[in-house]
C-alpha atoms as a PDB file:
ATOM      1  CA  MET A   1      79.565  19.463  50.124  1.00  0.00           C
ATOM      2  CA  ARG A   2      80.440  18.276  46.677  1.00  0.00           C
ATOM      3  CA  HIS A   3      81.588  19.955  43.608  1.00  0.00           C
ATOM      4  CA  ARG A   4      81.694  17.690  40.669  1.00  0.00           C
ATOM      5  CA  LEU A   5      84.202  18.762  38.116  1.00  0.00           C
ATOM      6  CA  PRO A   6      82.655  18.869  34.474  1.00  0.00           C
ATOM      7  CA  ARG A   7      83.823  16.269  32.093  1.00  0.00           C
ATOM      8  CA  ARG A   8      85.241  17.956  28.792  1.00  0.00           C
ATOM      9  CA  PRO A   9      85.388  16.238  25.416  1.00  0.00           C
ATOM     10  CA  ARG A  10      88.756  14.646  25.207  1.00  0.00           C
ATOM     11  CA  ALA A  11      89.389  17.067  21.813  1.00  0.00           C
ATOM     12  CA  THR A  12      88.744  20.824  24.507  1.00  0.00           C
ATOM     13  CA  ARG A  13      91.101  18.850  27.231  1.00  0.00           C
ATOM     14  CA  LEU A  14      93.825  18.697  24.688  1.00  0.00           C
ATOM     15  CA  ARG A  15      93.734  21.865  23.445  1.00  0.00           C
ATOM     16  CA  ARG A  16      93.333  23.516  26.887  1.00  0.00           C
ATOM     17  CA  ARG A  17      96.592  21.359  27.916  1.00  0.00           C
ATOM     18  CA  ALA A  18      98.571  23.113  25.031  1.00  0.00           C
ATOM     19  CA  SER A  19      97.442  26.771  25.946  1.00  0.00           C
ATOM     20  CA  TRP A  20      97.147  26.950  29.704  1.00  0.00           C
ATOM     21  CA  ALA A  21     100.469  28.856  30.061  1.00  0.00           C
ATOM     22  CA  THR A  22      99.026  31.517  28.214  1.00  0.00           C
ATOM     23  CA  ILE A  23      95.545  31.930  30.448  1.00  0.00           C
ATOM     24  CA  ALA A  24      95.450  34.943  32.525  1.00  0.00           C
ATOM     25  CA  PRO A  25      96.701  34.773  36.252  1.00  0.00           C
ATOM     26  CA  VAL A  26      94.583  32.760  38.545  1.00  0.00           C
ATOM     27  CA  ASP A  27      94.684  31.788  42.495  1.00  0.00           C
ATOM     28  CA  ASN A  28      96.396  28.371  42.906  1.00  0.00           C
ATOM     29  CA  LEU A  29      93.007  26.528  44.034  1.00  0.00           C
ATOM     30  CA  GLU A  30      91.472  27.413  40.774  1.00  0.00           C
ATOM     31  CA  ARG A  31      94.689  26.509  38.870  1.00  0.00           C
ATOM     32  CA  ILE A  32      94.528  23.148  40.776  1.00  0.00           C
ATOM     33  CA  GLU A  33      90.620  22.681  39.694  1.00  0.00           C
ATOM     34  CA  ARG A  34      91.846  22.994  36.771  1.00  0.00           C
ATOM     35  CA  MET A  35      94.030  20.218  36.356  1.00  0.00           C
ATOM     36  CA  VAL A  36      91.929  18.100  37.747  1.00  0.00           C
ATOM     37  CA  ALA A  37      88.932  18.850  35.767  1.00  0.00           C
ATOM     38  CA  ARG A  38      91.182  17.095  33.075  1.00  0.00           C
ATOM     39  CA  LEU A  39      91.048  13.976  34.944  1.00  0.00           C
ATOM     40  CA  PRO A  40      88.260  11.346  34.414  1.00  0.00           C
ATOM     41  CA  GLU A  41      85.753  10.979  37.123  1.00  0.00           C
ATOM     42  CA  ALA A  42      87.506  13.509  39.771  1.00  0.00           C
ATOM     43  CA  GLU A  43      85.551  15.559  42.112  1.00  0.00           C
ATOM     44  CA  ARG A  44      86.365  18.277  44.558  1.00  0.00           C
ATOM     45  CA  VAL A  45      85.178  17.430  48.193  1.00  0.00           C
ATOM     46  CA  ASP A  46      85.182  20.283  51.043  1.00  0.00           C
ATOM     47  CA  ILE A  47      85.577  18.801  54.452  1.00  0.00           C
ATOM     48  CA  GLU A  48      83.562  20.533  56.775  1.00  0.00           C
ATOM     49  CA  ALA A  49      85.072  19.041  59.779  1.00  0.00           C
ATOM     50  CA  TRP A  50      88.284  19.752  58.530  1.00  0.00           C
ATOM     51  CA  ASP A  51      87.541  23.891  58.305  1.00  0.00           C
ATOM     52  CA  GLY A  52      86.593  23.626  54.708  1.00  0.00           C
ATOM     53  CA  GLU A  53      89.751  21.657  53.577  1.00  0.00           C
ATOM     54  CA  VAL A  54      89.580  21.008  49.550  1.00  0.00           C
ATOM     55  CA  THR A  55      90.515  17.637  48.843  1.00  0.00           C
ATOM     56  CA  PHE A  56      90.083  15.849  45.124  1.00  0.00           C
ATOM     57  CA  ARG A  57      88.635  12.452  44.882  1.00  0.00           C
ATOM     58  CA  VAL A  58      88.290   9.523  42.262  1.00  0.00           C
ATOM     59  CA  ARG A  59      85.451   7.101  42.952  1.00  0.00           C
ATOM     60  CA  LYS A  60      85.752   8.445  46.974  1.00  0.00           C
ATOM     61  CA  LYS A  61      89.572   8.083  46.951  1.00  0.00           C
ATOM     62  CA  ASN A  62      91.452  11.281  47.850  1.00  0.00           C
ATOM     63  CA  PHE A  63      94.390  11.753  45.414  1.00  0.00           C
ATOM     64  CA  VAL A  64      94.920  15.205  46.331  1.00  0.00           C
ATOM     65  CA  PHE A  65      94.564  17.160  49.716  1.00  0.00           C
ATOM     66  CA  ALA A  66      94.561  21.067  49.762  1.00  0.00           C
ATOM     67  CA  GLY A  67      94.207  23.821  52.334  1.00  0.00           C
ATOM     68  CA  ILE A  68      91.572  26.261  51.624  1.00  0.00           C
ATOM     69  CA  ASP A  69      94.253  28.984  49.627  1.00  0.00           C
ATOM     70  CA  ALA A  70      95.729  25.882  48.209  1.00  0.00           C
ATOM     71  CA  SER A  71      99.674  27.024  49.367  1.00  0.00           C
ATOM     72  CA  GLY A  72     100.386  23.973  49.428  1.00  0.00           C
ATOM     73  CA  LEU A  73      99.205  20.427  48.481  1.00  0.00           C
ATOM     74  CA  SER A  74      99.627  16.596  49.400  1.00  0.00           C
ATOM     75  CA  VAL A  75      99.734  13.942  46.887  1.00  0.00           C
ATOM     76  CA  LYS A  76     100.768  10.315  46.351  1.00  0.00           C
ATOM     77  CA  LEU A  77     103.718   9.712  44.738  1.00  0.00           C
ATOM     78  CA  PRO A  78     105.357   5.934  44.192  1.00  0.00           C
ATOM     79  CA  ALA A  79     107.501   5.342  47.290  1.00  0.00           C
ATOM     80  CA  GLU A  80     110.885   6.031  45.279  1.00  0.00           C
ATOM     81  CA  GLU A  81     109.689   9.097  43.544  1.00  0.00           C
ATOM     82  CA  ALA A  82     108.305  10.637  46.820  1.00  0.00           C
ATOM     83  CA  THR A  83     111.886   9.802  48.773  1.00  0.00           C
ATOM     84  CA  ALA A  84     113.478  11.630  45.892  1.00  0.00           C
ATOM     85  CA  VAL A  85     110.691  14.649  46.175  1.00  0.00           C
ATOM     86  CA  VAL A  86     111.678  14.968  49.772  1.00  0.00           C
ATOM     87  CA  ALA A  87     115.163  14.888  49.724  1.00  0.00           C
ATOM     88  CA  THR A  88     115.650  17.690  46.602  1.00  0.00           C
ATOM     89  CA  ASP A  89     112.831  20.007  46.904  1.00  0.00           C
ATOM     90  CA  PRO A  90     113.183  22.107  49.989  1.00  0.00           C
ATOM     91  CA  ARG A  91     109.503  22.839  49.922  1.00  0.00           C
ATOM     92  CA  ALA A  92     108.694  19.135  50.203  1.00  0.00           C
ATOM     93  CA  GLU A  93     107.937  16.828  53.511  1.00  0.00           C
ATOM     94  CA  PRO A  94     106.535  13.824  54.144  1.00  0.00           C
ATOM     95  CA  SER A  95     102.676  14.130  54.798  1.00  0.00           C
ATOM     96  CA  GLY A  96     101.578  13.797  58.331  1.00  0.00           C
ATOM     97  CA  TYR A  97      99.295  11.438  60.045  1.00  0.00           C
ATOM     98  CA  GLY A  98     101.891   8.363  58.891  1.00  0.00           C
ATOM     99  CA  LEU A  99     100.758   9.324  55.314  1.00  0.00           C
ATOM    100  CA  GLY A 100     104.269   9.939  54.361  1.00  0.00           C
ATOM    101  CA  ARG A 101     105.483   5.998  55.053  1.00  0.00           C
ATOM    102  CA  HIS A 102     103.124   5.358  52.166  1.00  0.00           C
ATOM    103  CA  GLY A 103     104.170   7.784  49.805  1.00  0.00           C
ATOM    104  CA  TRP A 104     102.436  11.080  50.657  1.00  0.00           C
ATOM    105  CA  VAL A 105     104.248  14.304  50.166  1.00  0.00           C
ATOM    106  CA  SER A 106     103.195  17.767  51.312  1.00  0.00           C
ATOM    107  CA  VAL A 107     104.360  20.639  48.954  1.00  0.00           C
ATOM    108  CA  GLN A 108     104.189  23.941  49.224  1.00  0.00           C
ATOM    109  CA  ILE A 109     103.288  26.000  46.061  1.00  0.00           C
ATOM    110  CA  GLY A 110     103.456  29.517  47.677  1.00  0.00           C
ATOM    111  CA  ASP A 111     101.959  32.676  45.651  1.00  0.00           C
ATOM    112  CA  GLY A 112     103.869  33.458  42.284  1.00  0.00           C
ATOM    113  CA  ALA A 113     104.913  30.104  41.576  1.00  0.00           C
ATOM    114  CA  ASP A 114     107.078  29.882  37.704  1.00  0.00           C
ATOM    115  CA  GLU A 115     105.714  27.923  34.959  1.00  0.00           C
ATOM    116  CA  ASP A 116     108.044  25.360  36.156  1.00  0.00           C
ATOM    117  CA  ARG A 117     107.090  24.666  39.813  1.00  0.00           C
ATOM    118  CA  TRP A 118     103.191  24.483  37.922  1.00  0.00           C
ATOM    119  CA  ARG A 119     104.226  22.064  35.541  1.00  0.00           C
ATOM    120  CA  GLN A 120     105.710  19.657  38.271  1.00  0.00           C
ATOM    121  CA  VAL A 121     102.732  20.568  40.347  1.00  0.00           C
ATOM    122  CA  GLU A 122     100.330  18.940  37.504  1.00  0.00           C
ATOM    123  CA  GLU A 123     102.820  15.864  37.054  1.00  0.00           C
ATOM    124  CA  TRP A 124     102.462  15.227  40.769  1.00  0.00           C
ATOM    125  CA  VAL A 125      98.473  15.435  40.562  1.00  0.00           C
ATOM    126  CA  ARG A 126      98.595  13.202  37.660  1.00  0.00           C
ATOM    127  CA  THR A 127     100.582  10.732  38.950  1.00  0.00           C
ATOM    128  CA  SER A 128      98.826  11.047  42.253  1.00  0.00           C
ATOM    129  CA  TYR A 129      95.616  10.136  40.225  1.00  0.00           C
ATOM    130  CA  THR A 130      97.021   7.315  38.279  1.00  0.00           C
ATOM    131  CA  LEU A 131      98.235   5.532  41.730  1.00  0.00           C
ATOM    132  CA  VAL A 132      94.903   6.157  43.272  1.00  0.00           C
ATOM    133  CA  ALA A 133      92.018   5.766  40.102  1.00  0.00           C
ATOM    134  CA  PRO A 134      90.811   2.254  39.624  1.00  0.00           C
ATOM    135  CA  LYS A 135      93.239   0.890  36.746  1.00  0.00           C
ATOM    136  CA  THR A 136      90.443   1.661  33.541  1.00  0.00           C
ATOM    137  CA  LEU A 137      90.337   5.360  34.675  1.00  0.00           C
ATOM    138  CA  ALA A 138      94.284   5.412  35.695  1.00  0.00           C
ATOM    139  CA  ARG A 139      95.057   3.912  32.130  1.00  0.00           C
ATOM    140  CA  VAL A 140      93.277   6.820  30.187  1.00  0.00           C
ATOM    141  CA  VAL A 141      95.543   9.441  32.174  1.00  0.00           C
ATOM    142  CA  LEU A 142      98.746   7.177  31.521  1.00  0.00           C
ATOM    143  CA  ALA A 143      97.663   6.598  27.796  1.00  0.00           C
ATOM    144  CA  GLU A 144      97.439  10.597  27.679  1.00  0.00           C
ATOM    145  CA  ASP A 145     100.753  11.162  28.906  1.00  0.00           C
ATOM    146  CA  GLY A 146     102.311   8.811  26.795  1.00  0.00           C
ATOM    147  CA  LEU A 147     103.205   6.253  29.421  1.00  0.00           C
ATOM    148  CA  ALA A 148     101.171   3.518  28.665  1.00  0.00           C
END
């Protein structure tokens, strides 16, 4: 089942980014959906064969895997960053099914994560997107982040 995330005008996306820490508490999945909604052409796809596991894709390529409750997620990172995250974060490990050797990292968010953790999760989600998305879309996100 596909759930296309709405594309918001650029001004709205920027305004929401500045104020996301002040919104009412929401569950992990909703928070991740809000992060992904700010990325061009991103969509949510629930994989029925995996008991409804949630994935987020850009042009049919996965950039985030999350459990149904989104207490953890898997993202693609540059090889050296993936190695550093696994070495320094006790809640991170290389993703299974051989994905870990290609830069995929599984990270536990847990319940009640603080704002620093959520900022880190958003950075990982955006990085994963830029590694998986077509270059034209990745450049848009990198420019928003001041990295292009």
